[in-house]
Protein backbone atom coordinates (compact mmCIF):
# COMPACT_ATOMS: atom_id res chain seq x y z
CA UNK A 1 0.00 0.00 0.00
CA UNK A 2 2.86 2.30 0.84
CA UNK A 3 4.51 1.67 -2.53
CA UNK A 4 1.32 2.59 -4.39
CA UNK A 5 1.43 6.08 -2.81
CA UNK A 6 5.00 6.76 -3.87
CA UNK A 7 5.36 9.63 -6.31
CA UNK A 8 9.12 9.51 -6.91
CA UNK A 9 11.62 6.74 -7.50
CA UNK A 10 14.28 7.85 -5.00
CA UNK A 11 17.16 6.12 -6.80
CA UNK A 12 16.43 7.90 -10.07
CA UNK A 13 15.82 11.17 -8.23
CA UNK A 14 19.31 10.88 -6.75
CA UNK A 15 20.68 10.03 -10.19
CA UNK A 16 19.02 13.17 -11.58
CA UNK A 17 20.85 15.24 -8.96
CA UNK A 18 24.16 13.58 -9.83
CA UNK A 19 23.55 14.16 -13.55
CA UNK A 20 22.81 17.83 -12.82
CA UNK A 21 26.28 18.18 -11.26
CA UNK A 22 27.73 16.32 -14.24
CA UNK A 23 25.96 18.72 -16.63
CA UNK A 24 27.32 21.74 -14.79
CA UNK A 25 30.83 20.29 -14.99
CA UNK A 26 30.38 19.80 -18.74
CA UNK A 27 29.27 23.40 -19.10
CA UNK A 28 31.95 25.08 -17.05
CA UNK A 29 34.96 22.76 -17.18
CA UNK A 30 34.81 20.80 -20.40
CA UNK A 31 34.00 23.82 -22.58
CA UNK A 32 36.69 25.93 -20.90
CA UNK A 33 39.29 23.23 -21.57
CA UNK A 34 38.23 22.10 -25.04
CA UNK A 35 38.49 25.55 -26.63
CA UNK A 36 42.17 25.66 -25.67
CA UNK A 37 42.74 23.28 -28.59
CA UNK A 38 42.79 24.77 -32.09
CA UNK A 39 40.72 22.03 -33.73
CA UNK A 40 37.85 22.76 -31.31
CA UNK A 41 37.23 25.97 -33.26
CA UNK A 42 36.76 24.04 -36.50
CA UNK A 43 33.22 24.55 -37.81
CA UNK A 44 32.25 20.85 -37.65
CA UNK A 45 33.71 20.12 -34.22
CA UNK A 46 32.26 23.38 -32.92
CA UNK A 47 28.87 22.27 -34.27
CA UNK A 48 28.94 19.16 -32.08
CA UNK A 49 30.08 21.15 -29.04
CA UNK A 50 27.12 23.49 -29.53
CA UNK A 51 24.77 20.55 -29.95
CA UNK A 52 26.13 19.08 -26.73
CA UNK A 53 25.65 22.33 -24.84
CA UNK A 54 22.10 22.66 -26.15
CA UNK A 55 20.97 19.22 -25.08
CA UNK A 56 23.13 18.41 -22.04
CA UNK A 57 20.65 20.19 -19.68
CA UNK A 58 18.04 17.67 -20.81
CA UNK A 59 19.99 14.80 -19.28
CA UNK A 60 19.10 15.66 -15.64
CA UNK A 61 15.64 16.74 -16.77
CA UNK A 62 15.08 13.39 -18.53
CA UNK A 63 16.19 11.44 -15.46
CA UNK A 64 14.06 13.63 -13.18
CA UNK A 65 10.97 13.05 -15.34
CA UNK A 66 11.65 9.32 -15.33
CA UNK A 67 11.78 9.38 -11.51
CA UNK A 68 8.12 10.51 -11.44
CA UNK A 69 6.31 7.20 -11.16
CA UNK A 70 2.86 8.25 -12.49
CA UNK A 71 4.54 9.75 -15.57
CA UNK A 72 6.62 6.63 -16.03
CA UNK A 73 3.47 4.55 -16.34
CA UNK A 74 2.18 6.76 -19.16
CA UNK A 75 5.37 7.13 -21.20
CA UNK A 76 6.10 3.78 -22.78
CA UNK A 77 6.67 3.73 -26.53
CA UNK A 78 6.72 -0.07 -26.41
CA UNK A 79 3.01 -0.25 -25.53
CA UNK A 80 2.17 2.23 -28.28
CA UNK A 81 3.98 0.44 -31.10
CA UNK A 82 2.72 -2.97 -30.00
CA UNK A 83 -0.86 -1.83 -30.46
CA UNK A 84 -0.20 -1.52 -34.20
CA UNK A 85 -0.42 -4.47 -36.54
CA UNK A 86 2.77 -5.21 -38.44
CA UNK A 87 1.30 -3.91 -41.70
CA UNK A 88 0.09 -0.64 -40.12
CA UNK A 89 3.40 -0.17 -38.32
CA UNK A 90 5.57 -0.71 -41.41
CA UNK A 91 3.41 1.53 -43.61
CA UNK A 92 3.50 4.22 -40.92
CA UNK A 93 7.27 4.24 -40.41
CA UNK A 94 7.86 4.11 -44.18
CA UNK A 95 5.80 7.22 -44.84
CA UNK A 96 7.10 9.05 -41.76
CA UNK A 97 10.66 8.43 -42.97
CA UNK A 98 9.75 9.42 -46.53
CA UNK A 99 8.08 12.62 -45.33
CA UNK A 100 10.86 13.71 -42.94
CA UNK A 101 13.71 13.01 -45.36
CA UNK A 102 11.97 14.95 -48.13
CA UNK A 103 11.37 17.88 -45.76
CA UNK A 104 15.09 17.91 -44.90
CA UNK A 105 16.09 17.48 -48.55
CA UNK A 106 13.93 20.41 -49.67
CA UNK A 107 14.15 22.94 -46.84
CA UNK A 108 17.72 22.33 -45.65
CA UNK A 109 19.59 20.76 -48.60
CA UNK A 110 17.65 22.64 -51.31
CA UNK A 111 17.33 19.35 -53.22
CA UNK A 112 20.96 19.71 -54.32
CA UNK A 113 23.94 17.45 -53.54
CA UNK A 114 25.92 18.21 -50.39
CA UNK A 115 29.69 17.91 -50.05
CA UNK A 116 31.17 14.71 -51.48
CA UNK A 117 27.85 13.86 -53.17
CA UNK A 118 28.46 16.54 -55.84
CA UNK A 119 30.85 14.35 -57.82
CA UNK A 120 28.62 11.24 -57.72
CA UNK A 121 25.70 13.43 -58.79
CA UNK A 122 27.70 14.80 -61.73
CA UNK A 123 28.65 11.26 -62.80
CA UNK A 124 24.95 10.31 -62.71
CA UNK A 125 24.28 13.36 -64.88
CA UNK A 126 26.82 12.00 -67.39
CA UNK A 127 25.04 8.62 -67.38
CA UNK A 128 21.64 10.29 -67.82
CA UNK A 129 22.92 12.02 -70.99
CA UNK A 130 23.77 8.63 -72.48
CA UNK A 131 27.55 8.76 -71.92
CA UNK A 132 29.89 6.58 -69.84
CA UNK A 133 32.22 9.53 -69.27
CA UNK A 134 32.34 13.24 -69.94
CA UNK A 135 34.44 15.18 -72.43
CA UNK A 136 37.68 16.44 -70.84
CA UNK A 137 37.78 20.24 -70.68
CA UNK A 138 40.89 21.96 -72.06
CA UNK A 139 41.59 23.49 -68.64
CA UNK A 140 40.40 20.90 -66.09
CA UNK A 141 41.87 22.83 -63.14
CA UNK A 142 38.86 25.20 -63.33
CA UNK A 143 36.41 22.38 -62.62
CA UNK A 144 35.70 19.63 -60.09
CA UNK A 145 39.00 18.20 -58.86
CA UNK A 146 37.26 14.90 -58.02
CA UNK A 147 36.62 14.40 -61.74
CA UNK A 148 39.72 12.73 -63.17
CA UNK A 149 41.00 12.52 -66.74
CA UNK A 150 42.44 9.34 -68.22
CA UNK A 151 42.82 8.43 -71.89
CA UNK A 152 40.50 11.27 -72.97
CA UNK A 153 37.85 10.19 -70.46
CA UNK A 154 36.51 12.58 -67.82
CA UNK A 155 34.84 10.71 -64.98
CA UNK A 156 34.28 10.57 -61.24
CA UNK A 157 37.08 9.15 -59.15
CA UNK A 158 34.37 7.85 -56.77
CA UNK A 159 32.98 4.37 -57.43
CA UNK A 160 30.18 4.52 -59.96
CA UNK A 161 27.56 2.22 -58.42
CA UNK A 162 25.62 4.93 -56.61
CA UNK A 163 25.69 7.20 -59.69
CA UNK A 164 24.35 4.37 -61.85
CA UNK A 165 21.49 3.62 -59.45
CA UNK A 166 20.67 7.34 -59.27
CA UNK A 167 20.48 7.70 -63.06
CA UNK A 168 16.82 6.57 -63.58
CA UNK A 169 15.73 9.26 -61.10
CA UNK A 170 17.81 11.82 -63.02
CA UNK A 171 16.00 10.81 -66.21
CA UNK A 172 12.57 11.49 -64.66
CA UNK A 173 13.98 14.70 -63.12
CA UNK A 174 13.26 13.61 -59.56
CA UNK A 175 16.78 12.75 -58.32
CA UNK A 176 15.99 13.85 -54.75
CA UNK A 177 13.49 10.96 -54.43
CA UNK A 178 16.20 8.31 -54.76
CA UNK A 179 17.90 8.44 -51.36
CA UNK A 180 14.64 9.14 -49.57
CA UNK A 181 13.05 6.01 -51.05
CA UNK A 182 16.12 3.88 -50.35
CA UNK A 183 16.25 5.08 -46.76
CA UNK A 184 12.55 4.45 -46.18
CA UNK A 185 12.72 0.95 -47.67
CA UNK A 186 15.86 0.33 -45.59
CA UNK A 187 13.81 0.71 -42.40
CA UNK A 188 11.39 -1.97 -43.64
CA UNK A 189 14.26 -4.32 -44.51
CA UNK A 190 15.85 -3.65 -41.11
CA UNK A 191 12.58 -4.61 -39.40
CA UNK A 192 12.45 -7.89 -41.33
CA UNK A 193 16.10 -8.58 -40.54
CA UNK A 194 15.61 -8.03 -36.80
CA UNK A 195 12.46 -10.14 -36.76
CA UNK A 196 14.41 -13.03 -38.31
CA UNK A 197 17.22 -12.59 -35.78
CA UNK A 198 15.12 -12.06 -32.64
CA UNK A 199 11.38 -11.38 -32.44
CA UNK A 200 8.67 -8.96 -33.53
CA UNK A 201 9.02 -6.71 -30.44
CA UNK A 202 12.75 -6.23 -30.97
CA UNK A 203 12.14 -5.57 -34.67
CA UNK A 204 9.56 -2.86 -33.99
CA UNK A 205 11.77 -1.12 -31.44
CA UNK A 206 14.81 -1.33 -33.71
CA UNK A 207 12.92 0.16 -36.66
CA UNK A 208 11.75 3.04 -34.44
CA UNK A 209 15.28 3.72 -33.20
CA UNK A 210 16.61 3.78 -36.76
CA UNK A 211 13.78 6.06 -37.90
CA UNK A 212 14.54 8.62 -35.18
CA UNK A 213 18.31 8.55 -35.62
CA UNK A 214 19.50 12.04 -36.66
CA UNK A 215 22.45 10.46 -38.45
CA UNK A 216 20.14 8.19 -40.44
CA UNK A 217 17.72 10.99 -41.33
CA UNK A 218 20.41 13.51 -42.27
CA UNK A 219 22.32 11.10 -44.53
CA UNK A 220 19.29 9.50 -46.20
CA UNK A 221 18.07 12.98 -47.08
CA UNK A 222 21.28 13.54 -49.05
CA UNK A 223 22.82 12.21 -52.28
CA UNK A 224 25.78 10.56 -50.50
CA UNK A 225 26.81 7.19 -51.93
CA UNK A 226 26.53 5.74 -48.42
CA UNK A 227 22.80 5.46 -49.12
CA UNK A 228 23.25 2.81 -51.80
CA UNK A 229 25.76 0.77 -49.83
CA UNK A 230 23.58 1.03 -46.69
CA UNK A 231 20.54 -0.24 -48.60
CA UNK A 232 22.35 -3.16 -50.23
CA UNK A 233 24.16 -4.15 -47.03
CA UNK A 234 20.80 -4.30 -45.23
CA UNK A 235 19.39 -6.47 -48.04
CA UNK A 236 22.44 -8.70 -47.71
CA UNK A 237 21.99 -8.98 -43.94
CA UNK A 238 18.30 -9.77 -44.39
CA UNK A 239 19.05 -12.66 -46.76
CA UNK A 240 21.89 -13.76 -44.48
CA UNK A 241 19.39 -14.06 -41.63
CA UNK A 242 17.11 -16.12 -43.88
CA UNK A 243 20.07 -18.34 -44.80
CA UNK A 244 20.48 -19.29 -41.15
CA UNK A 245 16.79 -20.06 -40.63
CA UNK A 246 16.08 -21.91 -43.88
CA UNK A 247 17.79 -24.28 -46.31
CA UNK A 248 16.80 -22.44 -49.49
CA UNK A 249 19.98 -21.99 -51.58
CA UNK A 250 18.72 -18.68 -53.02
CA UNK A 251 18.98 -16.93 -49.65
CA UNK A 252 22.80 -17.13 -49.34
CA UNK A 253 23.04 -16.42 -53.08
CA UNK A 254 21.14 -13.13 -52.71
CA UNK A 255 23.05 -12.28 -49.54
CA UNK A 256 26.30 -12.52 -51.50
CA UNK A 257 24.88 -10.75 -54.55
CA UNK A 258 23.74 -7.67 -52.61
CA UNK A 259 27.08 -7.56 -50.76
CA UNK A 260 28.78 -7.31 -54.14
CA UNK A 261 26.46 -4.50 -55.24
CA UNK A 262 27.20 -2.66 -52.00
CA UNK A 263 30.92 -2.88 -52.84
CA UNK A 264 30.21 -1.35 -56.26
CA UNK A 265 28.79 1.67 -54.43
CA UNK A 266 31.42 1.96 -51.72
CA UNK A 267 34.57 -0.14 -51.30
CA UNK A 268 34.74 0.11 -47.51
CA UNK A 269 31.78 -2.26 -47.08
CA UNK A 270 34.28 -5.03 -47.83
CA UNK A 271 34.61 -5.21 -44.02
CA UNK A 272 31.28 -7.07 -43.97
CA UNK A 273 32.32 -9.86 -46.32
CA UNK A 274 34.74 -11.86 -44.11
CA UNK A 275 32.36 -11.43 -41.16
CA UNK A 276 29.48 -12.84 -43.21
CA UNK A 277 31.49 -15.84 -44.40
CA UNK A 278 32.72 -16.57 -40.85
CA UNK A 279 29.15 -16.20 -39.62
CA UNK A 280 27.82 -18.68 -42.18
CA UNK A 281 30.57 -21.12 -41.27
CA UNK A 282 29.78 -20.94 -37.56
CA UNK A 283 25.99 -20.70 -37.71
CA UNK A 284 24.92 -22.82 -40.68
CA UNK A 285 26.07 -26.07 -39.02
CA UNK A 286 25.74 -29.03 -41.41
CA UNK A 287 24.65 -26.69 -44.25
CA UNK A 288 27.71 -24.46 -43.94
CA UNK A 289 29.54 -25.69 -47.04
CA UNK A 290 26.56 -25.25 -49.34
CA UNK A 291 25.60 -21.91 -47.78
CA UNK A 292 29.11 -20.46 -48.23
CA UNK A 293 29.27 -21.83 -51.78
CA UNK A 294 26.05 -20.11 -52.86
CA UNK A 295 27.02 -16.93 -51.01
CA UNK A 296 30.22 -16.79 -53.07
CA UNK A 297 28.37 -17.69 -56.29
CA UNK A 298 26.15 -14.64 -55.72
CA UNK A 299 28.92 -12.39 -54.42
CA UNK A 300 31.63 -12.87 -57.03
CA UNK A 301 29.73 -11.73 -60.18
CA UNK A 302 28.43 -8.60 -58.41
CA UNK A 303 31.84 -8.00 -56.84
CA UNK A 304 33.51 -8.25 -60.26
CA UNK A 305 31.33 -5.44 -61.64
CA UNK A 306 33.68 -2.98 -59.94
CA UNK A 307 36.73 -4.54 -61.58
CA UNK A 308 35.06 -4.46 -65.00
CA UNK A 309 34.36 -0.79 -64.26
CA UNK A 310 38.08 -0.36 -63.49
CA UNK A 311 39.03 -1.82 -66.89
CA UNK A 312 36.57 0.45 -68.72
CA UNK A 313 37.72 3.64 -67.03
CA UNK A 314 41.34 3.14 -65.98
CA UNK A 315 42.43 0.30 -68.26
CA UNK A 316 43.67 -1.74 -65.29
CA UNK A 317 41.50 -4.27 -63.45
CA UNK A 318 43.04 -3.38 -60.08
CA UNK A 319 43.30 0.38 -60.61
CA UNK A 320 40.50 2.42 -59.03
CA UNK A 321 39.59 5.96 -60.07
CA UNK A 322 40.91 7.26 -56.75
CA UNK A 323 44.46 6.46 -57.84
CA UNK A 324 44.18 8.95 -60.73
CA UNK A 325 43.30 11.87 -58.49
CA UNK A 326 45.99 14.54 -58.19
CA UNK A 327 45.86 14.08 -54.43
CA UNK A 328 46.12 10.29 -54.47
CA UNK A 329 47.96 10.43 -51.14
CA UNK A 330 44.53 11.26 -49.67
CA UNK A 331 43.08 7.86 -50.51
CA UNK A 332 45.57 5.27 -49.34
CA UNK A 333 45.54 3.24 -46.13
CA UNK A 334 48.33 2.99 -43.60
CA UNK A 335 50.62 5.13 -41.50
CA UNK A 336 53.35 7.41 -42.71
CA UNK A 337 54.42 11.04 -43.24
CA UNK A 338 52.89 11.22 -46.74
CA UNK A 339 49.45 9.92 -45.84
CA UNK A 340 46.75 12.56 -46.12
CA UNK A 341 46.58 16.19 -45.11
CA UNK A 342 47.52 17.63 -41.71
CA UNK A 343 44.71 17.33 -39.15
CA UNK A 344 44.83 18.11 -35.41
CA UNK A 345 48.17 19.80 -36.22
CA UNK A 346 49.61 16.37 -37.08
CA UNK A 347 51.13 15.78 -40.53
CA UNK A 348 50.76 12.44 -42.23
CA UNK A 349 48.98 9.58 -40.48
CA UNK A 350 50.15 8.30 -37.13
CA UNK A 351 48.78 6.00 -34.41
CA UNK A 352 48.13 9.15 -32.34
CA UNK A 353 45.97 10.61 -35.11
CA UNK A 354 44.14 7.28 -35.42
CA UNK A 355 43.42 7.39 -31.68
CA UNK A 356 42.17 10.99 -31.89
CA UNK A 357 39.98 10.06 -34.86
CA UNK A 358 38.55 7.16 -32.86
CA UNK A 359 37.58 9.34 -29.89
CA UNK A 360 36.23 12.04 -32.20
CA UNK A 361 33.97 9.48 -33.89
CA UNK A 362 33.00 8.06 -30.50
CA UNK A 363 32.03 11.55 -29.30
CA UNK A 364 29.93 12.34 -32.36
CA UNK A 365 28.24 8.94 -32.26
CA UNK A 366 27.39 9.52 -28.58
CA UNK A 367 25.36 12.54 -29.72
CA UNK A 368 24.33 12.01 -33.31
CA UNK A 369 23.28 8.37 -33.39
CA UNK A 370 20.04 9.12 -31.52
CA UNK A 371 20.40 12.76 -30.46
CA UNK A 372 20.67 11.83 -26.78
CA UNK A 373 22.99 13.81 -24.45
CA UNK A 374 26.12 11.60 -24.46
CA UNK A 375 23.88 8.55 -24.07
CA UNK A 376 23.51 7.25 -27.63
CA UNK A 377 26.04 4.44 -27.12
CA UNK A 378 25.61 3.88 -23.40
CA UNK A 379 23.03 1.10 -23.68
CA UNK A 380 25.12 -1.14 -25.94
CA UNK A 381 27.19 -2.79 -23.15
CA UNK A 382 23.96 -3.74 -21.37
CA UNK A 383 23.11 -6.02 -24.31
CA UNK A 384 25.59 -8.47 -22.77
CA UNK A 385 24.20 -8.40 -19.20
CA UNK A 386 22.53 -11.71 -18.29
CA UNK A 387 23.54 -12.64 -21.79
CA UNK A 388 22.10 -15.69 -23.44
CA UNK A 389 24.32 -16.58 -26.34
CA UNK A 390 23.05 -15.09 -29.60
CA UNK A 391 25.14 -15.26 -32.75
CA UNK A 392 23.84 -11.92 -34.05
CA UNK A 393 25.25 -10.07 -31.05
CA UNK A 394 28.63 -11.63 -31.80
CA UNK A 395 28.30 -10.84 -35.51
CA UNK A 396 27.55 -7.18 -34.72
CA UNK A 397 30.59 -6.88 -32.45
CA UNK A 398 32.86 -8.53 -35.06
CA UNK A 399 31.77 -6.15 -37.84
CA UNK A 400 32.07 -3.10 -35.57
CA UNK A 401 35.57 -4.25 -34.56
CA UNK A 402 36.58 -4.78 -38.23
CA UNK A 403 35.30 -1.27 -38.99
CA UNK A 404 37.36 0.30 -36.22
CA UNK A 405 40.51 -1.48 -37.41
CA UNK A 406 39.88 -0.59 -41.06
CA UNK A 407 39.22 3.10 -40.51
CA UNK A 408 42.07 3.45 -38.02
CA UNK A 409 44.31 2.99 -41.08
CA UNK A 410 42.80 6.00 -42.85
CA UNK A 411 44.05 9.47 -42.01
CA UNK A 412 40.74 11.38 -42.01
CA UNK A 413 38.00 11.10 -39.39
CA UNK A 414 35.15 11.40 -41.94
CA UNK A 415 32.91 13.50 -39.68
CA UNK A 416 30.47 16.10 -40.99
CA UNK A 417 27.33 17.69 -39.50
CA UNK A 418 25.50 14.68 -40.96
CA UNK A 419 27.44 12.46 -38.57
CA UNK A 420 30.48 10.14 -38.74
CA UNK A 421 29.51 9.08 -42.25
CA UNK A 422 32.36 6.62 -42.84
CA UNK A 423 30.67 4.33 -40.32
CA UNK A 424 27.14 4.69 -41.68
CA UNK A 425 26.81 1.06 -42.80
CA UNK A 426 27.34 -0.24 -39.24
CA UNK A 427 24.51 1.92 -37.84
CA UNK A 428 21.99 -0.99 -38.10
CA UNK A 429 24.28 -3.15 -35.96
CA UNK A 430 24.67 -0.37 -33.38
CA UNK A 431 20.88 -0.08 -33.30
CA UNK A 432 20.59 -3.86 -32.88
CA UNK A 433 22.83 -3.83 -29.81
CA UNK A 434 21.13 -0.69 -28.43
CA UNK A 435 17.70 -2.34 -28.58
CA UNK A 436 19.06 -5.43 -26.89
CA UNK A 437 20.51 -3.28 -24.09
CA UNK A 438 17.32 -1.25 -23.58
CA UNK A 439 15.21 -4.41 -23.38
CA UNK A 440 17.53 -5.82 -20.72
CA UNK A 441 17.26 -2.64 -18.60
CA UNK A 442 13.49 -2.24 -18.94
CA UNK A 443 13.63 1.58 -19.06
CA UNK A 444 11.45 2.23 -22.09
CA UNK A 445 9.66 5.26 -20.51
CA UNK A 446 13.08 6.89 -20.04
CA UNK A 447 13.89 6.24 -23.70
CA UNK A 448 10.51 7.76 -24.64
CA UNK A 449 11.55 10.98 -22.88
CA UNK A 450 14.85 10.95 -24.78
CA UNK A 451 12.93 10.46 -28.03
CA UNK A 452 10.84 13.55 -27.28
CA UNK A 453 13.98 15.66 -26.86
CA UNK A 454 15.44 14.19 -30.06
CA UNK A 455 12.37 15.11 -32.08
CA UNK A 456 11.78 18.59 -30.68
CA UNK A 457 15.29 19.74 -29.68
CA UNK A 458 18.19 17.84 -31.24
CA UNK A 459 17.02 17.33 -34.84
CA UNK A 460 15.67 20.90 -35.36
CA UNK A 461 18.80 22.54 -33.90
CA UNK A 462 21.06 20.09 -35.71
CA UNK A 463 19.61 21.03 -39.08
CA UNK A 464 20.21 24.76 -38.66
CA UNK A 465 23.88 24.50 -39.66
CA UNK A 466 22.81 23.71 -43.23
CA UNK A 467 21.16 27.13 -43.39
CA UNK A 468 24.07 28.89 -41.68
CA UNK A 469 26.96 28.37 -44.04
CA UNK A 470 27.95 24.69 -44.04
CA UNK A 471 27.37 22.80 -47.27
CA UNK A 472 26.33 23.62 -50.80
CA UNK A 473 23.86 26.43 -51.39
CA UNK A 474 21.74 28.25 -53.99
CA UNK A 475 23.32 31.71 -53.63
CA UNK A 476 25.09 31.83 -57.00
CA UNK A 477 22.33 30.00 -58.88
CA UNK A 478 19.65 32.34 -57.51
CA UNK A 479 21.64 35.46 -58.42
CA UNK A 480 22.06 34.23 -62.00
CA UNK A 481 18.33 33.50 -62.25
CA UNK A 482 17.45 36.89 -60.78
CA UNK A 483 19.64 38.69 -63.33
CA UNK A 484 18.36 36.47 -66.20
CA UNK A 485 21.94 35.69 -67.29
CA UNK A 486 22.53 33.29 -70.20
CA UNK A 487 25.43 32.14 -72.39
CA UNK A 488 28.00 33.13 -69.77
CA UNK A 489 31.02 32.00 -67.77
CA UNK A 490 30.75 32.50 -64.01
CA UNK A 491 33.91 32.30 -61.90
CA UNK A 492 33.42 31.41 -58.23
CA UNK A 493 35.76 33.35 -55.96
CA UNK A 494 36.44 31.94 -52.49
CA UNK A 495 36.94 33.68 -49.18
CA UNK A 496 40.59 34.53 -48.37
CA UNK A 497 40.91 31.31 -46.37
CA UNK A 498 42.66 33.01 -43.48
CA UNK A 499 41.27 30.61 -40.88
CA UNK A 500 39.88 27.09 -40.60
CA UNK A 501 36.31 28.35 -40.75
CA UNK A 502 36.84 30.07 -44.11
CA UNK A 503 38.75 27.11 -45.52
CA UNK A 504 35.90 24.77 -44.58
CA UNK A 505 33.29 27.08 -46.11
CA UNK A 506 35.40 27.39 -49.28
CA UNK A 507 35.18 23.64 -49.89
CA UNK A 508 31.50 24.07 -50.68
CA UNK A 509 31.47 27.31 -52.69
CA UNK A 510 32.37 25.91 -56.08
CA UNK A 511 30.64 22.60 -55.41
CA UNK A 512 27.40 24.57 -55.00
CA UNK A 513 27.28 25.08 -58.77
CA UNK A 514 29.79 22.58 -60.23
CA UNK A 515 27.17 19.85 -60.69
CA UNK A 516 25.19 22.22 -62.99
CA UNK A 517 27.85 22.04 -65.71
CA UNK A 518 27.25 19.81 -68.70
CA UNK A 519 29.33 16.66 -69.43
CA UNK A 520 30.62 18.63 -72.42
CA UNK A 521 31.37 21.96 -70.77
CA UNK A 522 30.78 24.05 -73.90
CA UNK A 523 27.20 22.76 -74.23
CA UNK A 524 26.04 24.42 -71.03
CA UNK A 525 24.13 27.70 -71.03
CA UNK A 526 26.22 28.75 -68.03
CA UNK A 527 29.77 27.49 -67.50
CA UNK A 528 30.69 27.43 -63.81
CA UNK A 529 34.42 27.62 -63.09
CA UNK A 530 36.68 28.19 -60.12
CA UNK A 531 38.30 31.59 -59.86
CA UNK A 532 42.04 30.97 -60.30
CA UNK A 533 43.11 34.59 -60.62
CA UNK A 534 42.97 36.96 -63.57
CA UNK A 535 46.05 35.57 -65.33
CA UNK A 536 44.59 32.06 -65.51
CA UNK A 537 40.93 33.06 -65.84
CA UNK A 538 41.75 34.85 -69.11
CA UNK A 539 42.65 31.47 -70.62
CA UNK A 540 39.09 30.22 -70.11
CA UNK A 541 37.54 33.53 -71.16
CA UNK A 542 39.53 33.41 -74.43
CA UNK A 543 38.44 29.83 -75.05
CA UNK A 544 34.77 30.90 -74.90
CA UNK A 545 34.99 34.37 -76.42
CA UNK A 546 31.32 34.53 -77.32
CA UNK A 547 30.28 34.35 -73.67
CA UNK A 548 29.87 37.14 -71.14
CA UNK A 549 32.13 36.61 -68.09
CA UNK A 550 31.04 37.18 -64.49
CA UNK A 551 32.57 36.64 -61.09
CA UNK A 552 30.63 35.51 -58.03
CA UNK A 553 32.44 36.33 -54.80
CA UNK A 554 31.90 35.66 -51.13
CA UNK A 555 32.76 37.94 -48.21
CA UNK A 556 32.11 38.37 -44.48
CA UNK A 557 32.74 34.69 -43.61
CA UNK A 558 30.40 33.62 -46.38
CA UNK A 559 27.44 35.62 -45.08
CA UNK A 560 27.56 38.04 -48.03
CA UNK A 561 27.98 37.51 -51.75
CA UNK A 562 27.60 39.35 -55.04
CA UNK A 563 27.62 38.68 -58.77
CA UNK A 564 29.58 41.17 -60.92
CA UNK A 565 30.56 41.47 -64.58
CA UNK A 566 34.13 40.24 -64.80
CA UNK A 567 35.51 43.51 -66.20
CA UNK A 568 34.10 45.35 -63.17
CA UNK A 569 36.47 43.38 -60.96
CA UNK A 570 39.58 44.39 -62.88
CA UNK A 571 42.92 42.65 -62.93
CA UNK A 572 44.16 41.25 -59.67
């Protein structure tokens, strides 16, 4: 009787007080220390610090709300989702995902490619025009540096799978639908995968976690090639789970086939392949030989597509487009003084830089995976409390471990405001382990409170950076439309690049219009080129003498811009 009159859970109330002290320490100590380091002022790292400071007060508030017993009885997402039939639930999460990702794509990404996606988008544009490659411009230094030239072929150094899959959507002039559809279908496939591995309850919770992941939503709203590899890896995992449950030879075949297609989109998914083969060997028991055989029969033809692509474009079966890039030192694995650009004031790639990259990714995952204040990874270890052996838990840990080893050999951390995108394909496995941990702890009302903060605080504030300078934009394009300019060359002039902020912003200035060029540069109404200074710009102006020349320049940290006739700028 006494327990029924309790209003607070005293243990959680005490924990709320402790977390309040922790939050104050984060505010006053961590921020004071972190800004002593130069890299903390970098626009992307600073973004995550600001996100942390915005949501960290919600940690003690979340715990306090969970300590209120009457409220705890009301807030339970598990009861809500279990009231839905499977069909209703899947249709609902599909359309919610489709709606949210299209909102982000339109209002925050302007339906244009962001960052690295510009070059894959341009390659898809080449495909949509009926060509395998573009026509090399006479002065390639004015155009996208990620487009390489080899044997009179102008093509993307990035693997071509994603561009090829995007092409049909380019042809119907709805390219922004592609990633949104793939992401929304990925949630359905993830549900089916989890249901095969565990049960319907785990599958519903996992699909909800994936749907509300800021990292998932931000990336699947974009044109990044991670979307294709993510989709095909999930299909591969789904058929892998069927291979364990059933004897049908087509299941391991399709698991291998979709793994090969994922590789055609993004080479780093190769980390999944040995884990899948080991998993089939350990889990298929007496069927292991046949299962592995059909997996390889499906995998090898799809895997070889990339090497056929290499022959077509580079003339060498083992030579990838990356190796033709002028900065090919940016794309190799391993440690050494010549590996990559300086980051964290460290030249080359060293074990110290690998360790810093690891903790940087860990920090961003702790926020961006679910938008929870430093809690996004905290439930994973609890998946192994009172652990009953499950092969999928082991599989998830193996793949995550392979990923950490693989990316420790690469010099760059791969983090953007969309999240630690290099690791995007392992997000389903992180979600799997998170769900397992939450179910062991039985704190679903607490997770419901965290979801509320994710939806109303973290995601809206996280998206603002795309309207405040980071990423590609419509500034130049809108100015040209406003002035009704045609048959022209427009040079894009960067900021002076006097600090890390300006240098980061500059990476997106030319990309904001580069994808609008035609595969044969001279065929475009507007030719968009980098500003390389008057002495070099004249070369391009003389090549296209019949065109009016303009210069589009940024100022005031990218907050101001203007479009001027080139002669008004004068020689520099």
